[in-house]
Structures are given as structure tokens and as C-alpha cells.
Amino acid sequence: MLLKRRLFTLNAAATLTAPLLSRCSPPSYDFHSGRTGYPEEALPDGDLHIPLWNGAPPDGGGPQGEPRLSPRGALTNIATPTLSVHRPEHPNGAAVIVAGGGGYRYIQIRKEGVLPARWLTSLGITAFVLLYRLPGEHWKDGRMAPFQDAQRAIRLVRGHAKTFGIDPSRIGALGFSAGGHLMGTCAIRPEWQTYRPVDMYDSVPTTLALSLLAYPVVTLEPPYQRTGTRRMLIGDHPTEQASIDWSMQTYVKPGDPPFFLVQAADDRIASAENTAILEKACKNNDVDVVRYLFRDGGHGFGMGRPGTQTTIWPELAREWMRQRHFIS
């Protein structure tokens, strides 16, 4: 698939954005396609990428050196949170922010980042792969860091919708495992202020049109407390209130955007009860939700594990997005 690679300066982009933004002075950082320091597989040097922050992220800290990619596609040591932009040959105005999982200890960038982006661009959707900060990498804001990055990513995508030919009412999210917890939480908590505003983009809403979540971690409450997500966010011995506060179902309310949920019944990492709990919370609040539970496929099947029915979920998701007029 051909991906358009362009060089944009933020100053040029600001002339194309919404009137709210064009009245303000743009920050001094660039959208660019030069060398990033990320491994080539995670973020090719020629591809357009967007640093999330003008300088250091909120409150500082973080790892030293360049990002590291394991042979299995696990990305760590993320010092510069970034959006990797994948532009389709024939864009249809929709955009999706993609967040891979990894229990907030790493990001599975290959099968839960790059490959989903290729699928999205094949549908005419502009994909933004989110390379977010990890709580265990010495950020002063700790567990808040990935949520700050996710909210900032939504704001930057919406703030530059005209630059990328995006309809600001058609910005969605795709999250896998812990990435599903991250983007799902942002979808139902757009009012949550995770950091102090740093520039004009932080006045842009963080609302999403829809969310697709594959084998997400939803609840941190017992008896589903043995996930890496829970350990990284609230530790091994949290209070009962902390478990409630960091569980997605706590915040579901009428008016939340639609959810597409997919999971395998034999998932040994995030029990299939996670998507069942979210489905129930959505139905109790009249939130549009569909859940597909496959017999097998395990955890981490990405775009589908060969030999299992999980391979059909991308087509189910495409039709679901079409029915909701997100794509044509």
C-alpha cells in the first residue's frame, strides 16, 4: 500500500486549521519527516511524525537514550512521545488513533500498531499510531503519563484536521489490550483534565466518534486483578477505591460514543469478562455497543490469529464503521 509522505511545518499547518486555532500563535515545533531516533520498524525516518509536546512532556522525567525494539516488536524507552502518521492513497476524511498494548510496560508496535495502520489506510482512513510514555520509565507524572499523551494526541489530530483532510467529527480510536484501556478510558472521560494546559491545542476537545477495542483490559477490580495493566497503574495491593477509579466501567454514561469490542474466550491475560463488563455497562446506559467473542484466539491476536475465527474481526469492524457512517 502506498502511503503519502509529506513534510509539514506547524506554521504552515496552522494556516489551514480551524479559526479557533488560526487566531493563536502556533508553537515552535514541527511536523516533520526527518530522523526520529525510533527503530525503523516502529517509525520509518521518511514517514511523517508529530512530537506530542513542545519540548519536554508535562513535569518531565523519563528514560535516557533512544527507544528500543525487541525482536518480538515490543517498544520501550520512549522518551519522546510521538504520533506516526499513515496517510491513505485515497483518504475519506476519517481518522483513527491506534494504541498498541503491552500492560503499560511496553508497546507492541508491530502487530498492534503498524499492521492495524495498514489495514486502516486500506479503508481510506488516516491512521495515527500513538507512541505513548510508559509509567515505569521514570516519568514524574507516573501513571498519568500515557493518558496525558493520549489526550494530547486527540487534540493535535482534531486541531490539525484540515491539514490532514480529516472531518473533525470522524476521529476514532483503536486500542489493543492495555492500549484498549487507554483509549477506551479517554473515550468515556473527555472531561478528565490529566495535565495543565501548555498551549492553544489544549483547549481543543478530546471527544471521539467511536472506539474499537480488541481484547482490552477494562476492569482492575477483583477477581480480574492479575493483569500487568493493574500492576503498572495501581500496584499489587491497591485500595478498593483505586481499583474502582481506574476501571473503565466506572465512567460509562449515556451519550458516550459507540464501542466495538472483540475478544477470544480463551484469553488468559485479560479475561473475556472484561469485554462482558464493558458491554453490560454500555447497555445499562444506552450506549451503542457490539461485542464479538470468538471461541479461541488467545490474547494478543492483533489483526487476527491464523487458524482461528479472529481473522474475521477486521471485516466485522469495517461493516460496523460503515453502518455508523464513519466510512462509506
C-alpha atoms as a PDB file:
ATOM      1  CA  MET A   1       0.000   0.000   0.000  1.00  0.00           C
ATOM      2  CA  LEU A   2       1.243   3.428  -0.930  1.00  0.00           C
ATOM      3  CA  LEU A   3       1.428   5.890   1.930  1.00  0.00           C
ATOM      4  CA  LYS A   4       1.827   9.548   1.113  1.00  0.00           C
ATOM      5  CA  ARG A   5       4.800  11.050   2.863  1.00  0.00           C
ATOM      6  CA  ARG A   6       4.908  14.806   3.174  1.00  0.00           C
ATOM      7  CA  LEU A   7       6.757  17.465   5.053  1.00  0.00           C
ATOM      8  CA  PHE A   8       4.580  19.884   7.016  1.00  0.00           C
ATOM      9  CA  THR A   9       5.752  22.712   9.197  1.00  0.00           C
ATOM     10  CA  LEU A  10       3.473  23.608  12.063  1.00  0.00           C
ATOM     11  CA  ASN A  11       3.388  27.203  10.903  1.00  0.00           C
ATOM     12  CA  ALA A  12       2.018  26.140   7.520  1.00  0.00           C
ATOM     13  CA  ALA A  13      -0.412  23.755   9.164  1.00  0.00           C
ATOM     14  CA  ALA A  14      -1.769  26.482  11.401  1.00  0.00           C
ATOM     15  CA  THR A  15      -2.968  28.449   8.373  1.00  0.00           C
ATOM     16  CA  LEU A  16      -5.200  25.528   7.428  1.00  0.00           C
ATOM     17  CA  THR A  17      -6.701  24.693  10.788  1.00  0.00           C
ATOM     18  CA  ALA A  18      -9.953  25.807  12.380  1.00  0.00           C
ATOM     19  CA  PRO A  19     -10.492  29.529  13.065  1.00  0.00           C
ATOM     20  CA  LEU A  20     -10.083  28.948  16.812  1.00  0.00           C
ATOM     21  CA  LEU A  21      -6.508  27.868  16.247  1.00  0.00           C
ATOM     22  CA  SER A  22      -5.627  30.289  13.480  1.00  0.00           C
ATOM     23  CA  ARG A  23      -6.169  33.208  15.836  1.00  0.00           C
ATOM     24  CA  CYS A  24      -3.400  31.974  18.124  1.00  0.00           C
ATOM     25  CA  SER A  25       0.348  31.921  17.757  1.00  0.00           C
ATOM     26  CA  PRO A  26       1.479  28.379  16.842  1.00  0.00           C
ATOM     27  CA  PRO A  27       4.054  26.533  18.935  1.00  0.00           C
ATOM     28  CA  SER A  28       7.547  26.367  17.514  1.00  0.00           C
ATOM     29  CA  TYR A  29       7.877  22.650  16.931  1.00  0.00           C
ATOM     30  CA  ASP A  30       7.445  20.963  13.518  1.00  0.00           C
ATOM     31  CA  PHE A  31       5.575  18.163  11.862  1.00  0.00           C
ATOM     32  CA  HIS A  32       8.452  16.557  10.057  1.00  0.00           C
ATOM     33  CA  SER A  33       9.790  13.508   8.295  1.00  0.00           C
ATOM     34  CA  GLY A  34      13.420  13.550   9.346  1.00  0.00           C
ATOM     35  CA  ARG A  35      15.252  11.130  11.615  1.00  0.00           C
ATOM     36  CA  THR A  36      13.403  10.328  14.826  1.00  0.00           C
ATOM     37  CA  GLY A  37      15.670   8.014  16.796  1.00  0.00           C
ATOM     38  CA  TYR A  38      12.921   5.399  16.781  1.00  0.00           C
ATOM     39  CA  PRO A  39      13.701   1.988  15.277  1.00  0.00           C
ATOM     40  CA  GLU A  40      12.888   1.920  11.571  1.00  0.00           C
ATOM     41  CA  GLU A  41      10.123  -0.658  12.010  1.00  0.00           C
ATOM     42  CA  ALA A  42       8.353   1.453  14.623  1.00  0.00           C
ATOM     43  CA  LEU A  43       8.695   4.792  12.851  1.00  0.00           C
ATOM     44  CA  PRO A  44      10.493   4.946   9.471  1.00  0.00           C
ATOM     45  CA  ASP A  45      12.636   8.040   9.128  1.00  0.00           C
ATOM     46  CA  GLY A  46      10.853   9.051   5.926  1.00  0.00           C
ATOM     47  CA  ASP A  47       7.365   8.951   7.431  1.00  0.00           C
ATOM     48  CA  LEU A  48       5.564  11.981   8.759  1.00  0.00           C
ATOM     49  CA  HIS A  49       5.540  12.129  12.534  1.00  0.00           C
ATOM     50  CA  ILE A  50       4.300  14.564  15.128  1.00  0.00           C
ATOM     51  CA  PRO A  51       6.003  15.074  18.506  1.00  0.00           C
ATOM     52  CA  LEU A  52       3.222  15.400  21.057  1.00  0.00           C
ATOM     53  CA  TRP A  53       4.817  18.092  23.163  1.00  0.00           C
ATOM     54  CA  ASN A  54       6.677  21.313  22.511  1.00  0.00           C
ATOM     55  CA  GLY A  55       9.787  20.267  24.398  1.00  0.00           C
ATOM     56  CA  ALA A  56       9.642  18.044  27.457  1.00  0.00           C
ATOM     57  CA  PRO A  57       6.345  16.337  28.358  1.00  0.00           C
ATOM     58  CA  PRO A  58       4.423  17.608  31.412  1.00  0.00           C
ATOM     59  CA  ASP A  59       6.520  17.727  34.592  1.00  0.00           C
ATOM     60  CA  GLY A  60       9.488  15.974  32.968  1.00  0.00           C
ATOM     61  CA  GLY A  61      11.451  12.894  33.923  1.00  0.00           C
ATOM     62  CA  GLY A  62      11.623   9.839  31.713  1.00  0.00           C
ATOM     63  CA  PRO A  63      14.225   7.472  30.269  1.00  0.00           C
ATOM     64  CA  GLN A  64      17.555   8.300  28.699  1.00  0.00           C
ATOM     65  CA  GLY A  65      18.742   7.244  25.259  1.00  0.00           C
ATOM     66  CA  GLU A  66      16.852   6.129  22.192  1.00  0.00           C
ATOM     67  CA  PRO A  67      13.791   3.862  22.036  1.00  0.00           C
ATOM     68  CA  ARG A  68      14.412   0.122  21.966  1.00  0.00           C
ATOM     69  CA  LEU A  69      12.568  -2.502  19.946  1.00  0.00           C
ATOM     70  CA  SER A  70      12.678  -6.178  20.897  1.00  0.00           C
ATOM     71  CA  PRO A  71      12.714  -8.990  18.302  1.00  0.00           C
ATOM     72  CA  ARG A  72       9.031  -9.560  19.160  1.00  0.00           C
ATOM     73  CA  GLY A  73       8.077  -5.976  18.381  1.00  0.00           C
ATOM     74  CA  ALA A  74       7.944  -4.596  21.940  1.00  0.00           C
ATOM     75  CA  LEU A  75       8.869  -0.908  22.058  1.00  0.00           C
ATOM     76  CA  THR A  76      10.327   0.582  25.258  1.00  0.00           C
ATOM     77  CA  ASN A  77      12.447   3.524  26.445  1.00  0.00           C
ATOM     78  CA  ILE A  78      10.052   6.064  24.970  1.00  0.00           C
ATOM     79  CA  ALA A  79      11.495   9.476  25.791  1.00  0.00           C
ATOM     80  CA  THR A  80       9.747  11.444  23.038  1.00  0.00           C
ATOM     81  CA  PRO A  81       6.059  10.533  22.751  1.00  0.00           C
ATOM     82  CA  THR A  82       5.065  10.794  19.117  1.00  0.00           C
ATOM     83  CA  LEU A  83       2.286  10.239  16.594  1.00  0.00           C
ATOM     84  CA  SER A  84       3.289   8.300  13.485  1.00  0.00           C
ATOM     85  CA  VAL A  85       1.076   9.385  10.594  1.00  0.00           C
ATOM     86  CA  HIS A  86      -0.067   6.880   7.961  1.00  0.00           C
ATOM     87  CA  ARG A  87      -1.927   8.542   5.086  1.00  0.00           C
ATOM     88  CA  PRO A  88      -4.069   6.529   2.678  1.00  0.00           C
ATOM     89  CA  GLU A  89      -3.800   6.895  -1.070  1.00  0.00           C
ATOM     90  CA  HIS A  90      -7.476   7.884  -1.227  1.00  0.00           C
ATOM     91  CA  PRO A  91      -8.474   9.465   2.115  1.00  0.00           C
ATOM     92  CA  ASN A  92     -12.155   9.520   3.010  1.00  0.00           C
ATOM     93  CA  GLY A  93     -11.962  12.086   5.826  1.00  0.00           C
ATOM     94  CA  ALA A  94     -11.984   9.633   8.744  1.00  0.00           C
ATOM     95  CA  ALA A  95      -9.089   9.260  11.194  1.00  0.00           C
ATOM     96  CA  VAL A  96      -8.247   6.682  13.855  1.00  0.00           C
ATOM     97  CA  ILE A  97      -5.663   6.903  16.632  1.00  0.00           C
ATOM     98  CA  VAL A  98      -4.094   3.486  17.250  1.00  0.00           C
ATOM     99  CA  ALA A  99      -2.674   2.408  20.618  1.00  0.00           C
ATOM    100  CA  GLY A 100      -0.922  -0.932  20.985  1.00  0.00           C
ATOM    101  CA  GLY A 101      -0.893  -2.858  24.227  1.00  0.00           C
ATOM    102  CA  GLY A 102       1.789  -4.249  26.479  1.00  0.00           C
ATOM    103  CA  GLY A 103       0.463  -3.836  30.005  1.00  0.00           C
ATOM    104  CA  TYR A 104       1.817  -0.254  30.121  1.00  0.00           C
ATOM    105  CA  ARG A 105       5.301  -1.854  30.301  1.00  0.00           C
ATOM    106  CA  TYR A 106       5.949  -1.723  26.553  1.00  0.00           C
ATOM    107  CA  ILE A 107       4.040  -1.067  23.324  1.00  0.00           C
ATOM    108  CA  GLN A 108       3.504  -3.944  20.924  1.00  0.00           C
ATOM    109  CA  ILE A 109       4.185  -1.778  17.906  1.00  0.00           C
ATOM    110  CA  ARG A 110       4.298  -4.377  15.138  1.00  0.00           C
ATOM    111  CA  LYS A 111       1.031  -6.335  15.238  1.00  0.00           C
ATOM    112  CA  GLU A 112      -0.870  -3.716  17.274  1.00  0.00           C
ATOM    113  CA  GLY A 113       0.447  -0.567  15.630  1.00  0.00           C
ATOM    114  CA  VAL A 114       1.958  -0.792  12.155  1.00  0.00           C
ATOM    115  CA  LEU A 115      -0.252  -3.611  10.835  1.00  0.00           C
ATOM    116  CA  PRO A 116      -3.517  -2.061  12.056  1.00  0.00           C
ATOM    117  CA  ALA A 117      -2.433   1.227  10.447  1.00  0.00           C
ATOM    118  CA  ARG A 118      -2.008  -0.544   7.115  1.00  0.00           C
ATOM    119  CA  TRP A 119      -5.495  -2.006   7.435  1.00  0.00           C
ATOM    120  CA  LEU A 120      -6.994   1.377   8.262  1.00  0.00           C
ATOM    121  CA  THR A 121      -5.328   3.098   5.316  1.00  0.00           C
ATOM    122  CA  SER A 122      -6.682   0.352   3.033  1.00  0.00           C
ATOM    123  CA  LEU A 123     -10.135   1.599   4.083  1.00  0.00           C
ATOM    124  CA  GLY A 124      -9.255   5.215   3.286  1.00  0.00           C
ATOM    125  CA  ILE A 125      -8.779   6.113   6.966  1.00  0.00           C
ATOM    126  CA  THR A 126      -5.836   8.249   8.067  1.00  0.00           C
ATOM    127  CA  ALA A 127      -4.129   6.334  10.885  1.00  0.00           C
ATOM    128  CA  PHE A 128      -2.151   7.916  13.707  1.00  0.00           C
ATOM    129  CA  VAL A 129      -0.097   5.364  15.652  1.00  0.00           C
ATOM    130  CA  LEU A 130       0.449   6.595  19.193  1.00  0.00           C
ATOM    131  CA  LEU A 131       3.872   6.027  20.739  1.00  0.00           C
ATOM    132  CA  TYR A 132       2.969   6.887  24.319  1.00  0.00           C
ATOM    133  CA  ARG A 133       5.006   7.157  27.505  1.00  0.00           C
ATOM    134  CA  LEU A 134       5.179   4.197  29.879  1.00  0.00           C
ATOM    135  CA  PRO A 135       4.550   4.704  33.625  1.00  0.00           C
ATOM    136  CA  GLY A 136       7.527   2.609  34.705  1.00  0.00           C
ATOM    137  CA  GLU A 137      10.070   4.664  32.765  1.00  0.00           C
ATOM    138  CA  HIS A 138      10.683   7.262  35.475  1.00  0.00           C
ATOM    139  CA  TRP A 139       8.226   9.955  34.441  1.00  0.00           C
ATOM    140  CA  LYS A 140       7.400  12.306  37.297  1.00  0.00           C
ATOM    141  CA  ASP A 141       3.699  12.003  36.471  1.00  0.00           C
ATOM    142  CA  GLY A 142       3.948   8.202  36.569  1.00  0.00           C
ATOM    143  CA  ARG A 143       0.677   6.503  35.682  1.00  0.00           C
ATOM    144  CA  MET A 144      -0.807   9.714  34.305  1.00  0.00           C
ATOM    145  CA  ALA A 145       1.795   9.920  31.516  1.00  0.00           C
ATOM    146  CA  PRO A 146       0.105   7.665  28.924  1.00  0.00           C
ATOM    147  CA  PHE A 147      -3.268   9.335  29.493  1.00  0.00           C
ATOM    148  CA  GLN A 148      -1.713  12.763  29.038  1.00  0.00           C
ATOM    149  CA  ASP A 149      -0.224  11.585  25.753  1.00  0.00           C
ATOM    150  CA  ALA A 150      -3.481  10.061  24.529  1.00  0.00           C
ATOM    151  CA  GLN A 151      -5.476  13.212  25.267  1.00  0.00           C
ATOM    152  CA  ARG A 152      -2.796  15.361  23.659  1.00  0.00           C
ATOM    153  CA  ALA A 153      -2.851  13.126  20.577  1.00  0.00           C
ATOM    154  CA  ILE A 154      -6.609  13.529  20.162  1.00  0.00           C
ATOM    155  CA  ARG A 155      -6.248  17.311  20.469  1.00  0.00           C
ATOM    156  CA  LEU A 156      -3.463  17.515  17.907  1.00  0.00           C
ATOM    157  CA  VAL A 157      -5.335  15.365  15.400  1.00  0.00           C
ATOM    158  CA  ARG A 158      -8.509  17.431  15.807  1.00  0.00           C
ATOM    159  CA  GLY A 159      -6.582  20.711  15.879  1.00  0.00           C
ATOM    160  CA  HIS A 160      -4.989  19.889  12.519  1.00  0.00           C
ATOM    161  CA  ALA A 161      -7.961  18.203  10.925  1.00  0.00           C
ATOM    162  CA  LYS A 162      -7.885  20.480   7.878  1.00  0.00           C
ATOM    163  CA  THR A 163      -4.179  19.913   7.407  1.00  0.00           C
ATOM    164  CA  PHE A 164      -4.741  16.188   7.029  1.00  0.00           C
ATOM    165  CA  GLY A 165      -8.087  16.364   5.260  1.00  0.00           C
ATOM    166  CA  ILE A 166      -9.968  14.982   8.275  1.00  0.00           C
ATOM    167  CA  ASP A 167     -13.559  15.542   9.292  1.00  0.00           C
ATOM    168  CA  PRO A 168     -13.224  16.522  12.992  1.00  0.00           C
ATOM    169  CA  SER A 169     -16.489  14.714  13.722  1.00  0.00           C
ATOM    170  CA  ARG A 170     -14.976  11.437  12.435  1.00  0.00           C
ATOM    171  CA  ILE A 171     -11.996  10.862  14.709  1.00  0.00           C
ATOM    172  CA  GLY A 172     -11.997   7.456  16.387  1.00  0.00           C
ATOM    173  CA  ALA A 173      -9.716   5.161  18.350  1.00  0.00           C
ATOM    174  CA  LEU A 174      -8.433   1.604  18.032  1.00  0.00           C
ATOM    175  CA  GLY A 175      -6.847   0.095  21.126  1.00  0.00           C
ATOM    176  CA  PHE A 176      -5.400  -3.311  21.910  1.00  0.00           C
ATOM    177  CA  SER A 177      -5.116  -4.772  25.423  1.00  0.00           C
ATOM    178  CA  ALA A 178      -3.683  -2.001  27.646  1.00  0.00           C
ATOM    179  CA  GLY A 179      -3.995   0.313  24.656  1.00  0.00           C
ATOM    180  CA  GLY A 180      -7.697  -0.514  24.743  1.00  0.00           C
ATOM    181  CA  HIS A 181      -7.821   0.537  28.388  1.00  0.00           C
ATOM    182  CA  LEU A 182      -6.005   3.747  27.475  1.00  0.00           C
ATOM    183  CA  MET A 183      -8.133   4.809  24.512  1.00  0.00           C
ATOM    184  CA  GLY A 184     -11.381   3.455  25.964  1.00  0.00           C
ATOM    185  CA  THR A 185     -10.847   5.466  29.132  1.00  0.00           C
ATOM    186  CA  CYS A 186     -10.200   8.613  27.097  1.00  0.00           C
ATOM    187  CA  ALA A 187     -13.351   7.949  25.053  1.00  0.00           C
ATOM    188  CA  ILE A 188     -15.607   7.939  28.115  1.00  0.00           C
ATOM    189  CA  ARG A 189     -13.749  10.611  30.095  1.00  0.00           C
ATOM    190  CA  PRO A 190     -13.309  13.550  27.681  1.00  0.00           C
ATOM    191  CA  GLU A 191     -13.751  15.995  30.560  1.00  0.00           C
ATOM    192  CA  TRP A 192     -10.836  14.499  32.561  1.00  0.00           C
ATOM    193  CA  GLN A 193      -8.009  17.020  32.927  1.00  0.00           C
ATOM    194  CA  THR A 194      -4.845  14.954  33.065  1.00  0.00           C
ATOM    195  CA  TYR A 195      -2.363  17.834  32.752  1.00  0.00           C
ATOM    196  CA  ARG A 196      -2.131  21.600  32.918  1.00  0.00           C
ATOM    197  CA  PRO A 197      -2.692  23.242  29.508  1.00  0.00           C
ATOM    198  CA  VAL A 198       0.571  24.117  27.776  1.00  0.00           C
ATOM    199  CA  ASP A 199      -0.584  25.792  24.537  1.00  0.00           C
ATOM    200  CA  MET A 200      -3.595  26.558  22.347  1.00  0.00           C
ATOM    201  CA  TYR A 201      -4.206  22.938  21.407  1.00  0.00           C
ATOM    202  CA  ASP A 202      -5.145  22.093  24.968  1.00  0.00           C
ATOM    203  CA  SER A 203      -8.397  23.989  24.512  1.00  0.00           C
ATOM    204  CA  VAL A 204      -9.423  21.538  21.781  1.00  0.00           C
ATOM    205  CA  PRO A 205     -11.984  18.875  22.847  1.00  0.00           C
ATOM    206  CA  THR A 206     -10.844  15.271  23.328  1.00  0.00           C
ATOM    207  CA  THR A 207     -14.128  13.714  22.247  1.00  0.00           C
ATOM    208  CA  LEU A 208     -14.066  10.669  19.973  1.00  0.00           C
ATOM    209  CA  ALA A 209     -16.645   9.485  17.443  1.00  0.00           C
ATOM    210  CA  LEU A 210     -16.216   5.785  18.221  1.00  0.00           C
ATOM    211  CA  SER A 211     -13.845   3.238  19.743  1.00  0.00           C
ATOM    212  CA  LEU A 212     -12.745  -0.181  18.568  1.00  0.00           C
ATOM    213  CA  LEU A 213     -11.206  -2.228  21.382  1.00  0.00           C
ATOM    214  CA  ALA A 214      -9.532  -5.594  20.861  1.00  0.00           C
ATOM    215  CA  TYR A 215      -9.073  -7.775  23.980  1.00  0.00           C
ATOM    216  CA  PRO A 216      -8.988  -4.652  26.188  1.00  0.00           C
ATOM    217  CA  VAL A 217      -8.280  -4.532  29.881  1.00  0.00           C
ATOM    218  CA  VAL A 218     -11.473  -2.964  31.193  1.00  0.00           C
ATOM    219  CA  THR A 219     -11.676  -3.644  34.907  1.00  0.00           C
ATOM    220  CA  LEU A 220      -8.997  -3.524  37.586  1.00  0.00           C
ATOM    221  CA  GLU A 221     -11.340  -4.832  40.258  1.00  0.00           C
ATOM    222  CA  PRO A 222     -11.143  -8.334  41.768  1.00  0.00           C
ATOM    223  CA  PRO A 223     -11.280 -11.079  40.672  1.00  0.00           C
ATOM    224  CA  TYR A 224      -9.719  -9.691  37.489  1.00  0.00           C
ATOM    225  CA  GLN A 225      -6.753  -8.045  39.185  1.00  0.00           C
ATOM    226  CA  ARG A 226      -3.868 -10.100  37.807  1.00  0.00           C
ATOM    227  CA  THR A 227      -3.099  -8.052  34.704  1.00  0.00           C
ATOM    228  CA  GLY A 228       0.074  -6.121  34.054  1.00  0.00           C
ATOM    229  CA  THR A 229      -2.122  -3.092  33.460  1.00  0.00           C
ATOM    230  CA  ARG A 230      -3.355  -3.207  37.044  1.00  0.00           C
ATOM    231  CA  ARG A 231       0.129  -3.636  38.487  1.00  0.00           C
ATOM    232  CA  MET A 232       1.552  -0.735  36.487  1.00  0.00           C
ATOM    233  CA  LEU A 233      -1.293   1.665  37.253  1.00  0.00           C
ATOM    234  CA  ILE A 234      -2.229   0.946  40.877  1.00  0.00           C
ATOM    235  CA  GLY A 235       0.243  -1.668  42.167  1.00  0.00           C
ATOM    236  CA  ASP A 236      -0.207  -5.123  43.636  1.00  0.00           C
ATOM    237  CA  HIS A 237      -2.090  -4.036  46.764  1.00  0.00           C
ATOM    238  CA  PRO A 238      -4.308  -1.085  45.840  1.00  0.00           C
ATOM    239  CA  THR A 239      -7.231   0.207  47.810  1.00  0.00           C
ATOM    240  CA  GLU A 240     -10.696  -0.858  46.748  1.00  0.00           C
ATOM    241  CA  GLN A 241     -11.391   2.709  45.638  1.00  0.00           C
ATOM    242  CA  ALA A 242      -8.288   2.823  43.440  1.00  0.00           C
ATOM    243  CA  SER A 243      -9.434  -0.342  41.666  1.00  0.00           C
ATOM    244  CA  ILE A 244     -12.801   1.269  41.028  1.00  0.00           C
ATOM    245  CA  ASP A 245     -11.323   4.608  39.958  1.00  0.00           C
ATOM    246  CA  TRP A 246      -9.098   3.055  37.290  1.00  0.00           C
ATOM    247  CA  SER A 247     -11.728   0.693  35.849  1.00  0.00           C
ATOM    248  CA  MET A 248     -13.425   1.760  32.640  1.00  0.00           C
ATOM    249  CA  GLN A 249     -16.927   0.618  33.553  1.00  0.00           C
ATOM    250  CA  THR A 250     -16.987   3.139  36.398  1.00  0.00           C
ATOM    251  CA  TYR A 251     -17.298   6.035  33.942  1.00  0.00           C
ATOM    252  CA  VAL A 252     -19.670   4.755  31.266  1.00  0.00           C
ATOM    253  CA  LYS A 253     -22.638   7.112  30.919  1.00  0.00           C
ATOM    254  CA  PRO A 254     -25.398   7.992  28.462  1.00  0.00           C
ATOM    255  CA  GLY A 255     -24.088   9.830  25.440  1.00  0.00           C
ATOM    256  CA  ASP A 256     -20.735   8.035  25.286  1.00  0.00           C
ATOM    257  CA  PRO A 257     -19.505   7.158  21.778  1.00  0.00           C
ATOM    258  CA  PRO A 258     -20.157   3.684  20.315  1.00  0.00           C
ATOM    259  CA  PHE A 259     -17.957   0.702  21.178  1.00  0.00           C
ATOM    260  CA  PHE A 260     -16.906  -2.228  19.007  1.00  0.00           C
ATOM    261  CA  LEU A 261     -15.482  -4.979  21.225  1.00  0.00           C
ATOM    262  CA  VAL A 262     -13.686  -8.147  20.148  1.00  0.00           C
ATOM    263  CA  GLN A 263     -12.084 -10.851  22.267  1.00  0.00           C
ATOM    264  CA  ALA A 264     -11.374 -14.590  22.424  1.00  0.00           C
ATOM    265  CA  ALA A 265     -12.996 -16.772  25.074  1.00  0.00           C
ATOM    266  CA  ASP A 266      -9.667 -18.457  25.824  1.00  0.00           C
ATOM    267  CA  ASP A 267      -7.854 -15.186  26.633  1.00  0.00           C
ATOM    268  CA  ARG A 268      -5.611 -15.979  29.618  1.00  0.00           C
ATOM    269  CA  ILE A 269      -4.227 -12.464  30.066  1.00  0.00           C
ATOM    270  CA  ALA A 270      -7.351 -10.312  30.091  1.00  0.00           C
ATOM    271  CA  SER A 271     -10.340 -12.477  30.949  1.00  0.00           C
ATOM    272  CA  ALA A 272     -13.174 -12.335  28.439  1.00  0.00           C
ATOM    273  CA  GLU A 273     -15.235 -10.946  31.320  1.00  0.00           C
ATOM    274  CA  ASN A 274     -13.538  -7.615  30.613  1.00  0.00           C
ATOM    275  CA  THR A 275     -15.483  -7.035  27.417  1.00  0.00           C
ATOM    276  CA  ALA A 276     -18.608  -8.544  29.020  1.00  0.00           C
ATOM    277  CA  ILE A 277     -18.391  -5.997  31.843  1.00  0.00           C
ATOM    278  CA  LEU A 278     -17.993  -3.105  29.415  1.00  0.00           C
ATOM    279  CA  GLU A 279     -20.815  -4.392  27.227  1.00  0.00           C
ATOM    280  CA  LYS A 280     -23.124  -4.563  30.241  1.00  0.00           C
ATOM    281  CA  ALA A 281     -22.166  -1.062  31.401  1.00  0.00           C
ATOM    282  CA  CYS A 282     -22.858   0.301  27.925  1.00  0.00           C
ATOM    283  CA  LYS A 283     -26.240  -1.388  27.645  1.00  0.00           C
ATOM    284  CA  ASN A 284     -27.233  -0.170  31.105  1.00  0.00           C
ATOM    285  CA  ASN A 285     -26.520   3.382  29.934  1.00  0.00           C
ATOM    286  CA  ASP A 286     -27.986   3.145  26.423  1.00  0.00           C
ATOM    287  CA  VAL A 287     -24.548   3.368  24.821  1.00  0.00           C
ATOM    288  CA  ASP A 288     -24.238   1.767  21.386  1.00  0.00           C
ATOM    289  CA  VAL A 289     -22.095  -1.373  21.757  1.00  0.00           C
ATOM    290  CA  VAL A 290     -21.408  -4.581  19.877  1.00  0.00           C
ATOM    291  CA  ARG A 291     -19.303  -7.444  21.227  1.00  0.00           C
ATOM    292  CA  TYR A 292     -17.825 -10.369  19.326  1.00  0.00           C
ATOM    293  CA  LEU A 293     -16.493 -13.245  21.410  1.00  0.00           C
ATOM    294  CA  PHE A 294     -14.596 -15.908  19.472  1.00  0.00           C
ATOM    295  CA  ARG A 295     -14.074 -19.421  20.770  1.00  0.00           C
ATOM    296  CA  ASP A 296     -10.297 -19.307  20.509  1.00  0.00           C
ATOM    297  CA  GLY A 297      -7.507 -16.953  19.554  1.00  0.00           C
ATOM    298  CA  GLY A 298      -5.965 -16.230  22.947  1.00  0.00           C
ATOM    299  CA  HIS A 299      -4.622 -12.824  23.876  1.00  0.00           C
ATOM    300  CA  GLY A 300      -2.712 -10.589  21.516  1.00  0.00           C
ATOM    301  CA  PHE A 301      -4.113 -11.835  18.216  1.00  0.00           C
ATOM    302  CA  GLY A 302      -3.736  -8.407  16.637  1.00  0.00           C
ATOM    303  CA  MET A 303      -5.477  -8.292  13.273  1.00  0.00           C
ATOM    304  CA  GLY A 304      -6.367 -11.960  13.653  1.00  0.00           C
ATOM    305  CA  ARG A 305      -4.584 -15.205  14.521  1.00  0.00           C
ATOM    306  CA  PRO A 306      -4.380 -17.604  11.545  1.00  0.00           C
ATOM    307  CA  GLY A 307      -6.410 -20.769  12.045  1.00  0.00           C
ATOM    308  CA  THR A 308      -8.952 -19.057  14.323  1.00  0.00           C
ATOM    309  CA  GLN A 309     -12.114 -17.070  13.689  1.00  0.00           C
ATOM    310  CA  THR A 310     -10.409 -13.942  14.994  1.00  0.00           C
ATOM    311  CA  THR A 311      -9.239 -13.334  11.406  1.00  0.00           C
ATOM    312  CA  ILE A 312     -12.722 -12.091  10.509  1.00  0.00           C
ATOM    313  CA  TRP A 313     -12.886  -9.258  13.031  1.00  0.00           C
ATOM    314  CA  PRO A 314     -11.413  -6.586  10.712  1.00  0.00           C
ATOM    315  CA  GLU A 315     -14.222  -7.188   8.218  1.00  0.00           C
ATOM    316  CA  LEU A 316     -16.815  -7.072  11.005  1.00  0.00           C
ATOM    317  CA  ALA A 317     -15.288  -3.801  12.185  1.00  0.00           C
ATOM    318  CA  ARG A 318     -15.305  -2.340   8.686  1.00  0.00           C
ATOM    319  CA  GLU A 319     -19.023  -3.066   8.321  1.00  0.00           C
ATOM    320  CA  TRP A 320     -19.712  -1.682  11.803  1.00  0.00           C
ATOM    321  CA  MET A 321     -17.953   1.582  10.924  1.00  0.00           C
ATOM    322  CA  ARG A 322     -19.845   1.758   7.632  1.00  0.00           C
ATOM    323  CA  GLN A 323     -23.213   1.309   9.367  1.00  0.00           C
ATOM    324  CA  ARG A 324     -22.381   4.220  11.653  1.00  0.00           C
ATOM    325  CA  HIS A 325     -21.402   6.402   8.686  1.00  0.00           C
ATOM    326  CA  PHE A 326     -17.826   6.681   9.883  1.00  0.00           C
ATOM    327  CA  ILE A 327     -16.722   5.385   6.476  1.00  0.00           C
ATOM    328  CA  SER A 328     -18.668   4.878   3.268  1.00  0.00           C
END
